[in-house]
């Protein structure tokens, strides 16, 4: 979250760098949105360095295309299956490690694990505005604390909740609207 310091005209950010050290860094800009964009970029770079050692070779669009291809396969061959990874007949693929590794090899994807798909799933849900409690249930987390690691991906939800309180205090929102807004952004 970008913040101001009394001794600087610029926005500052705190994040964990690639070495795992907590860092305070000036963004060099007086524009808050630009500072938030820089913070997101630096956090992403640090995460990628920690997880993979290098920037990923594949873009978001490529990952999205692979996901849509899988959805198309399911729609054509096994639309009623409860499983994300299913055979053509809709039955669960029990052991997918070999197939997953073969697909990564064919796609020239290195250092990618099946578990990374789980993180992507959770991240996309949170970024899409799904409440953390629902994400926790979908992931099968036993405590909400396990899911809170994804909360930073949707800071606008927290801002919206605080905004409701501000509007309530200023008399702009009636209580029913506030309850609905809090449920949507919680």
Protein backbone atom coordinates (compact mmCIF):
# COMPACT_ATOMS: atom_id res chain seq x y z
CA UNK A 1 0.00 0.00 0.00
CA UNK A 2 1.51 3.31 -1.03
CA UNK A 3 2.06 5.85 1.71
CA UNK A 4 3.48 9.35 2.18
CA UNK A 5 6.39 10.34 4.38
CA UNK A 6 6.69 13.78 5.94
CA UNK A 7 10.24 14.18 4.63
CA UNK A 8 9.41 13.39 0.98
CA UNK A 9 7.03 14.67 -1.70
CA UNK A 10 6.94 11.17 -3.25
CA UNK A 11 4.82 8.11 -2.53
CA UNK A 12 6.62 5.24 -0.79
CA UNK A 13 5.86 1.51 -0.70
CA UNK A 14 6.77 -1.42 1.52
CA UNK A 15 7.21 -4.88 0.09
CA UNK A 16 9.33 -8.01 0.47
CA UNK A 17 12.12 -8.10 -2.08
CA UNK A 18 13.44 -11.20 -3.88
CA UNK A 19 15.87 -11.98 -1.05
CA UNK A 20 13.00 -12.01 1.48
CA UNK A 21 14.01 -8.70 3.08
CA UNK A 22 11.31 -6.15 3.94
CA UNK A 23 11.96 -3.03 1.85
CA UNK A 24 10.82 0.61 2.03
CA UNK A 25 11.23 2.20 -1.38
CA UNK A 26 10.46 5.58 -2.88
CA UNK A 27 8.44 5.37 -6.07
CA UNK A 28 9.85 8.68 -7.29
CA UNK A 29 6.37 9.87 -8.23
CA UNK A 30 3.79 12.16 -6.66
CA UNK A 31 0.91 10.35 -8.43
CA UNK A 32 -0.70 7.74 -6.17
CA UNK A 33 -1.99 5.49 -8.96
CA UNK A 34 1.42 5.45 -10.58
CA UNK A 35 2.96 4.57 -7.21
CA UNK A 36 0.49 1.70 -6.78
CA UNK A 37 1.32 0.44 -10.27
CA UNK A 38 5.04 0.52 -9.48
CA UNK A 39 4.43 -1.30 -6.20
CA UNK A 40 2.48 -4.03 -8.01
CA UNK A 41 5.25 -4.35 -10.60
CA UNK A 42 7.98 -4.59 -7.95
CA UNK A 43 6.01 -7.13 -5.92
CA UNK A 44 5.44 -9.25 -9.01
CA UNK A 45 9.11 -9.12 -9.97
CA UNK A 46 10.17 -10.05 -6.44
CA UNK A 47 7.67 -12.93 -6.35
CA UNK A 48 8.86 -14.25 -9.68
CA UNK A 49 12.48 -14.09 -8.59
CA UNK A 50 11.71 -15.92 -5.32
CA UNK A 51 9.58 -18.61 -6.93
CA UNK A 52 11.30 -19.27 -10.23
CA UNK A 53 14.57 -17.38 -10.21
CA UNK A 54 13.66 -15.65 -13.49
CA UNK A 55 10.72 -13.93 -15.09
CA UNK A 56 8.19 -16.44 -16.46
CA UNK A 57 8.43 -17.11 -20.19
CA UNK A 58 4.66 -17.22 -20.66
CA UNK A 59 2.23 -14.36 -20.54
CA UNK A 60 -1.14 -14.11 -18.85
CA UNK A 61 -2.78 -14.39 -22.28
CA UNK A 62 -1.04 -17.72 -22.92
CA UNK A 63 -2.22 -19.07 -19.55
CA UNK A 64 -5.73 -17.82 -20.29
CA UNK A 65 -5.70 -19.50 -23.70
CA UNK A 66 -4.65 -22.84 -22.12
CA UNK A 67 -7.42 -22.52 -19.55
CA UNK A 68 -10.01 -21.79 -22.24
CA UNK A 69 -8.80 -24.74 -24.31
CA UNK A 70 -9.33 -27.01 -21.29
CA UNK A 71 -12.81 -25.56 -20.75
CA UNK A 72 -13.60 -26.18 -24.44
CA UNK A 73 -12.44 -29.82 -24.11
CA UNK A 74 -14.73 -30.34 -21.11
CA UNK A 75 -17.67 -28.71 -22.89
CA UNK A 76 -17.22 -30.98 -25.93
CA UNK A 77 -16.37 -34.30 -24.26
CA UNK A 78 -17.59 -34.35 -20.66
CA UNK A 79 -19.82 -31.35 -19.87
CA UNK A 80 -21.53 -33.05 -16.90
CA UNK A 81 -18.31 -34.10 -15.17
CA UNK A 82 -17.66 -32.73 -11.67
CA UNK A 83 -13.91 -32.82 -12.28
CA UNK A 84 -11.73 -30.13 -13.79
CA UNK A 85 -9.27 -32.75 -15.02
CA UNK A 86 -11.34 -35.57 -16.52
CA UNK A 87 -11.04 -38.24 -19.19
CA UNK A 88 -13.24 -37.96 -22.28
CA UNK A 89 -15.82 -40.13 -20.50
CA UNK A 90 -15.98 -37.65 -17.58
CA UNK A 91 -14.21 -39.85 -15.03
CA UNK A 92 -11.61 -38.27 -12.79
CA UNK A 93 -7.98 -38.35 -13.84
CA UNK A 94 -6.45 -39.78 -10.67
CA UNK A 95 -2.75 -39.48 -11.43
CA UNK A 96 -1.99 -36.56 -13.65
CA UNK A 97 1.64 -35.83 -12.77
CA UNK A 98 3.10 -37.63 -15.80
CA UNK A 99 0.64 -36.05 -18.20
CA UNK A 100 1.14 -32.64 -16.61
CA UNK A 101 4.92 -32.89 -16.92
CA UNK A 102 4.59 -34.06 -20.54
CA UNK A 103 2.34 -31.09 -21.31
CA UNK A 104 4.83 -28.70 -19.69
CA UNK A 105 7.64 -30.26 -21.72
CA UNK A 106 5.66 -29.94 -24.97
CA UNK A 107 4.81 -26.33 -24.09
CA UNK A 108 8.46 -25.61 -23.16
CA UNK A 109 7.35 -24.54 -19.67
CA UNK A 110 10.02 -25.01 -17.01
CA UNK A 111 9.70 -24.94 -13.22
CA UNK A 112 5.89 -25.11 -13.19
CA UNK A 113 4.06 -27.40 -10.75
CA UNK A 114 0.48 -28.65 -10.56
CA UNK A 115 0.19 -26.75 -7.27
CA UNK A 116 0.88 -23.49 -9.13
CA UNK A 117 -2.50 -23.98 -10.80
CA UNK A 118 -4.11 -23.97 -7.35
CA UNK A 119 -2.44 -20.64 -6.52
CA UNK A 120 -3.54 -19.22 -9.88
CA UNK A 121 -7.10 -20.40 -9.24
CA UNK A 122 -7.18 -18.67 -5.84
CA UNK A 123 -5.50 -15.52 -7.14
CA UNK A 124 -7.92 -15.11 -10.03
CA UNK A 125 -10.93 -15.62 -7.75
CA UNK A 126 -9.72 -12.98 -5.29
CA UNK A 127 -8.83 -10.56 -8.09
CA UNK A 128 -12.31 -11.16 -9.50
CA UNK A 129 -13.89 -10.01 -6.24
CA UNK A 130 -14.86 -13.38 -4.73
CA UNK A 131 -14.92 -13.07 -0.91
CA UNK A 132 -12.04 -14.76 0.91
CA UNK A 133 -14.39 -17.01 2.87
CA UNK A 134 -15.77 -18.46 -0.38
CA UNK A 135 -12.26 -18.89 -1.79
CA UNK A 136 -11.28 -20.72 1.43
CA UNK A 137 -14.21 -23.10 1.00
CA UNK A 138 -13.38 -23.77 -2.65
CA UNK A 139 -9.75 -24.48 -1.76
CA UNK A 140 -10.71 -26.64 1.22
CA UNK A 141 -8.72 -24.53 3.66
CA UNK A 142 -9.41 -25.41 7.29
CA UNK A 143 -8.84 -21.83 8.48
CA UNK A 144 -9.36 -18.43 6.88
CA UNK A 145 -5.77 -17.53 7.79
CA UNK A 146 -4.54 -19.91 5.08
CA UNK A 147 -6.54 -17.96 2.51
CA UNK A 148 -5.56 -14.50 3.75
CA UNK A 149 -2.27 -14.78 1.86
CA UNK A 150 -4.31 -13.84 -1.22
CA UNK A 151 -5.96 -10.76 0.37
CA UNK A 152 -3.32 -8.39 -1.02
CA UNK A 153 -4.58 -9.18 -4.52
CA UNK A 154 -7.83 -7.30 -3.90
CA UNK A 155 -7.04 -4.22 -1.80
CA UNK A 156 -9.94 -2.40 -3.48
CA UNK A 157 -12.34 -4.66 -1.53
CA UNK A 158 -10.91 -3.32 1.73
CA UNK A 159 -11.05 0.23 0.43
CA UNK A 160 -14.69 -0.26 -0.58
CA UNK A 161 -15.58 -1.56 2.90
CA UNK A 162 -13.93 1.45 4.54
CA UNK A 163 -15.61 3.70 2.00
CA UNK A 164 -19.00 2.41 3.17
CA UNK A 165 -18.13 3.48 6.70
CA UNK A 166 -17.08 6.91 5.47
CA UNK A 167 -20.32 7.32 3.54
CA UNK A 168 -22.34 6.16 6.54
CA UNK A 169 -20.61 8.69 8.76
CA UNK A 170 -21.29 11.44 6.25
CA UNK A 171 -24.93 10.40 5.84
CA UNK A 172 -24.65 9.35 2.17
CA UNK A 173 -25.71 5.71 2.54
CA UNK A 174 -28.61 4.17 4.40
CA UNK A 175 -27.98 1.10 6.55
CA UNK A 176 -29.48 -1.44 4.09
CA UNK A 177 -27.13 -0.29 1.29
CA UNK A 178 -24.18 -0.45 3.69
CA UNK A 179 -24.95 -4.04 4.67
CA UNK A 180 -25.24 -5.09 1.02
CA UNK A 181 -22.01 -3.26 0.12
CA UNK A 182 -20.15 -4.89 3.01
CA UNK A 183 -21.37 -8.36 2.01
CA UNK A 184 -20.30 -7.83 -1.58
CA UNK A 185 -16.82 -6.59 -0.72
CA UNK A 186 -16.08 -8.65 2.40
